[in-house]
């Protein structure tokens, strides 16, 4: 198995890992109920997508 000729320095290792980070997901508000949802997804609160009722959502009171 190959063995590195020299040890990787701390700076080189940290420069390589600068892009290794989690990014926040994009959200926008639902046009029907105003909840924060991901783009191009059915709203889990009201069941609307692009102004049309797509799924029937059970309310928490039932």
PDB file of N, CA and C in Angstrom:
ATOM      1  N   UNK A   1       0.837  -1.173   0.000  1.00  0.00           N
ATOM      2  CA  UNK A   1       0.000   0.000   0.000  1.00  0.00           C
ATOM      3  C   UNK A   1       0.888   1.243   0.000  1.00  0.00           C
ATOM      4  N   UNK A   2       0.442   2.272  -0.685  1.00  0.00           N
ATOM      5  CA  UNK A   2       1.227   3.498  -0.780  1.00  0.00           C
ATOM      6  C   UNK A   2       1.200   4.267   0.529  1.00  0.00           C
ATOM      7  N   UNK A   3       2.333   4.877   0.845  1.00  0.00           N
ATOM      8  CA  UNK A   3       2.471   5.671   2.061  1.00  0.00           C
ATOM      9  C   UNK A   3       2.830   7.091   1.640  1.00  0.00           C
ATOM     10  N   UNK A   4       2.167   8.112   2.205  1.00  0.00           N
ATOM     11  CA  UNK A   4       2.494   9.487   1.830  1.00  0.00           C
ATOM     12  C   UNK A   4       3.957   9.810   2.141  1.00  0.00           C
ATOM     13  N   UNK A   5       4.602  10.535   1.238  1.00  0.00           N
ATOM     14  CA  UNK A   5       5.996  10.895   1.423  1.00  0.00           C
ATOM     15  C   UNK A   5       6.146  11.887   2.565  1.00  0.00           C
ATOM     16  N   UNK A   6       5.225  12.853   2.634  1.00  0.00           N
ATOM     17  CA  UNK A   6       5.260  13.845   3.702  1.00  0.00           C
ATOM     18  C   UNK A   6       3.885  13.941   4.365  1.00  0.00           C
ATOM     19  N   UNK A   7       3.901  14.370   5.585  1.00  0.00           N
ATOM     20  CA  UNK A   7       2.651  14.554   6.315  1.00  0.00           C
ATOM     21  C   UNK A   7       1.914  15.777   5.769  1.00  0.00           C
ATOM     22  N   UNK A   8       0.588  15.689   5.676  1.00  0.00           N
ATOM     23  CA  UNK A   8      -0.219  16.834   5.239  1.00  0.00           C
ATOM     24  C   UNK A   8      -0.238  17.870   6.349  1.00  0.00           C
ATOM     25  N   UNK A   9       0.113  19.096   6.005  1.00  0.00           N
ATOM     26  CA  UNK A   9       0.150  20.158   7.001  1.00  0.00           C
ATOM     27  C   UNK A   9      -1.234  20.565   7.460  1.00  0.00           C
ATOM     28  N   UNK A  10      -1.290  21.224   8.597  1.00  0.00           N
ATOM     29  CA  UNK A  10      -2.558  21.654   9.178  1.00  0.00           C
ATOM     30  C   UNK A  10      -3.253  22.656   8.265  1.00  0.00           C
ATOM     31  N   UNK A  11      -2.512  23.601   7.718  1.00  0.00           N
ATOM     32  CA  UNK A  11      -3.103  24.619   6.852  1.00  0.00           C
ATOM     33  C   UNK A  11      -3.664  24.003   5.584  1.00  0.00           C
ATOM     34  N   UNK A  12      -2.935  23.097   4.971  1.00  0.00           N
ATOM     35  CA  UNK A  12      -3.413  22.441   3.759  1.00  0.00           C
ATOM     36  C   UNK A  12      -4.672  21.628   4.037  1.00  0.00           C
ATOM     37  N   UNK A  13      -4.694  20.974   5.170  1.00  0.00           N
ATOM     38  CA  UNK A  13      -5.861  20.170   5.537  1.00  0.00           C
ATOM     39  C   UNK A  13      -7.066  21.070   5.769  1.00  0.00           C
ATOM     40  N   UNK A  14      -6.867  22.187   6.443  1.00  0.00           N
ATOM     41  CA  UNK A  14      -7.983  23.099   6.725  1.00  0.00           C
ATOM     42  C   UNK A  14      -8.460  23.803   5.465  1.00  0.00           C
ATOM     43  N   UNK A  15      -7.555  24.144   4.555  1.00  0.00           N
ATOM     44  CA  UNK A  15      -7.961  24.759   3.290  1.00  0.00           C
ATOM     45  C   UNK A  15      -8.794  23.786   2.455  1.00  0.00           C
ATOM     46  N   UNK A  16      -8.469  22.518   2.517  1.00  0.00           N
ATOM     47  CA  UNK A  16      -9.227  21.517   1.775  1.00  0.00           C
ATOM     48  C   UNK A  16     -10.621  21.342   2.368  1.00  0.00           C
ATOM     49  N   UNK A  17     -10.739  21.491   3.672  1.00  0.00           N
ATOM     50  CA  UNK A  17     -12.015  21.257   4.341  1.00  0.00           C
ATOM     51  C   UNK A  17     -12.892  22.503   4.465  1.00  0.00           C
ATOM     52  N   UNK A  18     -12.512  23.618   3.861  1.00  0.00           N
ATOM     53  CA  UNK A  18     -13.297  24.839   4.001  1.00  0.00           C
ATOM     54  C   UNK A  18     -14.673  24.702   3.369  1.00  0.00           C
ATOM     55  N   UNK A  19     -14.835  23.839   2.373  1.00  0.00           N
ATOM     56  CA  UNK A  19     -16.118  23.685   1.687  1.00  0.00           C
ATOM     57  C   UNK A  19     -16.950  22.564   2.299  1.00  0.00           C
ATOM     58  N   UNK A  20     -16.434  21.888   3.317  1.00  0.00           N
ATOM     59  CA  UNK A  20     -17.126  20.779   3.953  1.00  0.00           C
ATOM     60  C   UNK A  20     -18.025  21.332   5.048  1.00  0.00           C
ATOM     61  N   UNK A  21     -19.205  21.834   4.641  1.00  0.00           N
ATOM     62  CA  UNK A  21     -20.085  22.502   5.585  1.00  0.00           C
ATOM     63  C   UNK A  21     -21.536  22.242   5.167  1.00  0.00           C
ATOM     64  N   UNK A  22     -22.431  22.173   6.128  1.00  0.00           N
ATOM     65  CA  UNK A  22     -23.848  22.022   5.826  1.00  0.00           C
ATOM     66  C   UNK A  22     -24.425  23.372   5.434  1.00  0.00           C
ATOM     67  N   UNK A  23     -25.326  23.351   4.466  1.00  0.00           N
ATOM     68  CA  UNK A  23     -25.964  24.583   4.016  1.00  0.00           C
ATOM     69  C   UNK A  23     -27.429  24.558   4.413  1.00  0.00           C
ATOM     70  N   UNK A  24     -27.965  25.709   4.731  1.00  0.00           N
ATOM     71  CA  UNK A  24     -29.370  25.814   5.106  1.00  0.00           C
ATOM     72  C   UNK A  24     -30.250  25.586   3.883  1.00  0.00           C
ATOM     73  N   UNK A  25     -31.385  24.917   4.095  1.00  0.00           N
ATOM     74  CA  UNK A  25     -32.295  24.666   2.984  1.00  0.00           C
ATOM     75  C   UNK A  25     -33.072  25.929   2.645  1.00  0.00           C
ATOM     76  N   UNK A  26     -33.395  26.085   1.372  1.00  0.00           N
ATOM     77  CA  UNK A  26     -34.184  27.232   0.935  1.00  0.00           C
ATOM     78  C   UNK A  26     -35.641  27.017   1.329  1.00  0.00           C
ATOM     79  N   UNK A  27     -36.283  28.051   1.789  1.00  0.00           N
ATOM     80  CA  UNK A  27     -37.695  27.981   2.114  1.00  0.00           C
ATOM     81  C   UNK A  27     -38.398  29.213   1.575  1.00  0.00           C
ATOM     82  N   UNK A  28     -39.682  29.061   1.329  1.00  0.00           N
ATOM     83  CA  UNK A  28     -40.523  30.207   1.009  1.00  0.00           C
ATOM     84  C   UNK A  28     -41.867  30.006   1.676  1.00  0.00           C
ATOM     85  N   UNK A  29     -42.676  31.032   1.694  1.00  0.00           N
ATOM     86  CA  UNK A  29     -43.947  30.933   2.392  1.00  0.00           C
ATOM     87  C   UNK A  29     -45.019  30.389   1.462  1.00  0.00           C
ATOM     88  N   UNK A  30     -45.892  29.571   2.020  1.00  0.00           N
ATOM     89  CA  UNK A  30     -47.015  28.998   1.274  1.00  0.00           C
ATOM     90  C   UNK A  30     -47.968  30.128   0.902  1.00  0.00           C
ATOM     91  N   UNK A  31     -48.445  30.138  -0.338  1.00  0.00           N
ATOM     92  CA  UNK A  31     -49.333  31.203  -0.789  1.00  0.00           C
ATOM     93  C   UNK A  31     -50.723  31.082  -0.172  1.00  0.00           C
ATOM     94  N   UNK A  32     -51.067  29.902   0.339  1.00  0.00           N
ATOM     95  CA  UNK A  32     -52.401  29.699   0.900  1.00  0.00           C
ATOM     96  C   UNK A  32     -52.438  29.927   2.405  1.00  0.00           C
ATOM     97  N   UNK A  33     -51.519  29.287   3.149  1.00  0.00           N
ATOM     98  CA  UNK A  33     -51.577  29.401   4.617  1.00  0.00           C
ATOM     99  C   UNK A  33     -50.421  30.199   5.208  1.00  0.00           C
ATOM    100  N   UNK A  34     -49.365  30.459   4.441  1.00  0.00           N
ATOM    101  CA  UNK A  34     -48.252  31.267   4.925  1.00  0.00           C
ATOM    102  C   UNK A  34     -47.179  30.503   5.673  1.00  0.00           C
ATOM    103  N   UNK A  35     -47.269  29.175   5.727  1.00  0.00           N
ATOM    104  CA  UNK A  35     -46.257  28.370   6.411  1.00  0.00           C
ATOM    105  C   UNK A  35     -44.970  28.332   5.592  1.00  0.00           C
ATOM    106  N   UNK A  36     -43.831  28.153   6.253  1.00  0.00           N
ATOM    107  CA  UNK A  36     -42.546  28.049   5.572  1.00  0.00           C
ATOM    108  C   UNK A  36     -42.376  26.633   5.033  1.00  0.00           C
ATOM    109  N   UNK A  37     -42.209  26.481   3.708  1.00  0.00           N
ATOM    110  CA  UNK A  37     -42.059  25.175   3.069  1.00  0.00           C
ATOM    111  C   UNK A  37     -40.929  25.236   2.065  1.00  0.00           C
ATOM    112  N   UNK A  38     -40.451  24.066   1.633  1.00  0.00           N
ATOM    113  CA  UNK A  38     -39.436  24.010   0.595  1.00  0.00           C
ATOM    114  C   UNK A  38     -40.078  24.299  -0.760  1.00  0.00           C
ATOM    115  N   UNK A  39     -39.340  24.890  -1.684  1.00  0.00           N
ATOM    116  CA  UNK A  39     -39.905  25.189  -2.995  1.00  0.00           C
ATOM    117  C   UNK A  39     -40.295  23.912  -3.746  1.00  0.00           C
ATOM    118  N   UNK A  40     -41.331  23.990  -4.550  1.00  0.00           N
ATOM    119  CA  UNK A  40     -41.808  22.900  -5.410  1.00  0.00           C
ATOM    120  C   UNK A  40     -42.241  21.681  -4.613  1.00  0.00           C
ATOM    121  N   UNK A  41     -42.825  21.898  -3.419  1.00  0.00           N
ATOM    122  CA  UNK A  41     -43.335  20.816  -2.599  1.00  0.00           C
ATOM    123  C   UNK A  41     -44.765  21.151  -2.188  1.00  0.00           C
ATOM    124  N   UNK A  42     -45.556  20.127  -1.941  1.00  0.00           N
ATOM    125  CA  UNK A  42     -46.901  20.332  -1.423  1.00  0.00           C
ATOM    126  C   UNK A  42     -46.790  20.780   0.032  1.00  0.00           C
ATOM    127  N   UNK A  43     -47.598  21.760   0.408  1.00  0.00           N
ATOM    128  CA  UNK A  43     -47.572  22.261   1.781  1.00  0.00           C
ATOM    129  C   UNK A  43     -48.126  21.196   2.715  1.00  0.00           C
ATOM    130  N   UNK A  44     -47.355  20.786   3.743  1.00  0.00           N
ATOM    131  CA  UNK A  44     -47.859  19.763   4.662  1.00  0.00           C
ATOM    132  C   UNK A  44     -48.947  20.278   5.601  1.00  0.00           C
ATOM    133  N   UNK A  45     -49.077  21.604   5.741  1.00  0.00           N
ATOM    134  CA  UNK A  45     -50.085  22.163   6.640  1.00  0.00           C
ATOM    135  C   UNK A  45     -51.469  22.241   6.003  1.00  0.00           C
ATOM    136  N   UNK A  46     -51.525  22.671   4.738  1.00  0.00           N
ATOM    137  CA  UNK A  46     -52.833  22.863   4.117  1.00  0.00           C
ATOM    138  C   UNK A  46     -53.073  21.942   2.919  1.00  0.00           C
ATOM    139  N   UNK A  47     -52.035  21.351   2.327  1.00  0.00           N
ATOM    140  CA  UNK A  47     -52.205  20.431   1.209  1.00  0.00           C
ATOM    141  C   UNK A  47     -52.327  21.101  -0.141  1.00  0.00           C
ATOM    142  N   UNK A  48     -51.989  22.381  -0.227  1.00  0.00           N
ATOM    143  CA  UNK A  48     -52.091  23.100  -1.489  1.00  0.00           C
ATOM    144  C   UNK A  48     -50.745  23.121  -2.211  1.00  0.00           C
ATOM    145  N   UNK A  49     -50.807  23.110  -3.546  1.00  0.00           N
ATOM    146  CA  UNK A  49     -49.613  23.273  -4.380  1.00  0.00           C
ATOM    147  C   UNK A  49     -49.997  24.119  -5.576  1.00  0.00           C
ATOM    148  N   UNK A  50     -49.349  25.231  -5.744  1.00  0.00           N
ATOM    149  CA  UNK A  50     -49.595  26.175  -6.835  1.00  0.00           C
ATOM    150  C   UNK A  50     -51.060  26.593  -6.906  1.00  0.00           C
ATOM    151  N   UNK A  51     -51.650  26.845  -5.722  1.00  0.00           N
ATOM    152  CA  UNK A  51     -53.007  27.355  -5.656  1.00  0.00           C
ATOM    153  C   UNK A  51     -54.102  26.320  -5.793  1.00  0.00           C
ATOM    154  N   UNK A  52     -53.745  25.034  -5.864  1.00  0.00           N
ATOM    155  CA  UNK A  52     -54.746  23.980  -6.012  1.00  0.00           C
ATOM    156  C   UNK A  52     -54.634  22.994  -4.861  1.00  0.00           C
ATOM    157  N   UNK A  53     -55.784  22.478  -4.419  1.00  0.00           N
ATOM    158  CA  UNK A  53     -55.815  21.468  -3.358  1.00  0.00           C
ATOM    159  C   UNK A  53     -55.348  20.145  -3.953  1.00  0.00           C
ATOM    160  N   UNK A  54     -54.229  19.614  -3.449  1.00  0.00           N
ATOM    161  CA  UNK A  54     -53.632  18.413  -4.004  1.00  0.00           C
ATOM    162  C   UNK A  54     -53.883  17.199  -3.099  1.00  0.00           C
ATOM    163  N   UNK A  55     -53.686  17.375  -1.789  1.00  0.00           N
ATOM    164  CA  UNK A  55     -53.886  16.283  -0.850  1.00  0.00           C
ATOM    165  C   UNK A  55     -54.808  16.738   0.271  1.00  0.00           C
ATOM    166  N   UNK A  56     -55.467  15.782   0.873  1.00  0.00           N
ATOM    167  CA  UNK A  56     -56.318  16.051   2.031  1.00  0.00           C
ATOM    168  C   UNK A  56     -55.458  15.903   3.289  1.00  0.00           C
ATOM    169  N   UNK A  57     -55.411  16.947   4.111  1.00  0.00           N
ATOM    170  CA  UNK A  57     -54.580  16.947   5.308  1.00  0.00           C
ATOM    171  C   UNK A  57     -55.478  16.833   6.531  1.00  0.00           C
ATOM    172  N   UNK A  58     -55.158  15.895   7.407  1.00  0.00           N
ATOM    173  CA  UNK A  58     -55.903  15.757   8.650  1.00  0.00           C
ATOM    174  C   UNK A  58     -55.476  16.855   9.605  1.00  0.00           C
ATOM    175  N   UNK A  59     -56.432  17.453  10.267  1.00  0.00           N
ATOM    176  CA  UNK A  59     -56.092  18.480  11.248  1.00  0.00           C
ATOM    177  C   UNK A  59     -55.694  17.820  12.557  1.00  0.00           C
ATOM    178  N   UNK A  60     -54.972  18.525  13.391  1.00  0.00           N
ATOM    179  CA  UNK A  60     -54.476  17.963  14.650  1.00  0.00           C
ATOM    180  C   UNK A  60     -55.605  17.798  15.668  1.00  0.00           C
ATOM    181  N   UNK A  61     -56.749  18.462  15.473  1.00  0.00           N
ATOM    182  CA  UNK A  61     -57.865  18.383  16.411  1.00  0.00           C
ATOM    183  C   UNK A  61     -58.614  17.064  16.259  1.00  0.00           C
ATOM    184  N   UNK A  62     -58.524  16.423  15.085  1.00  0.00           N
ATOM    185  CA  UNK A  62     -59.274  15.191  14.846  1.00  0.00           C
ATOM    186  C   UNK A  62     -58.616  13.988  15.480  1.00  0.00           C
TER     187      UNK A  62
END
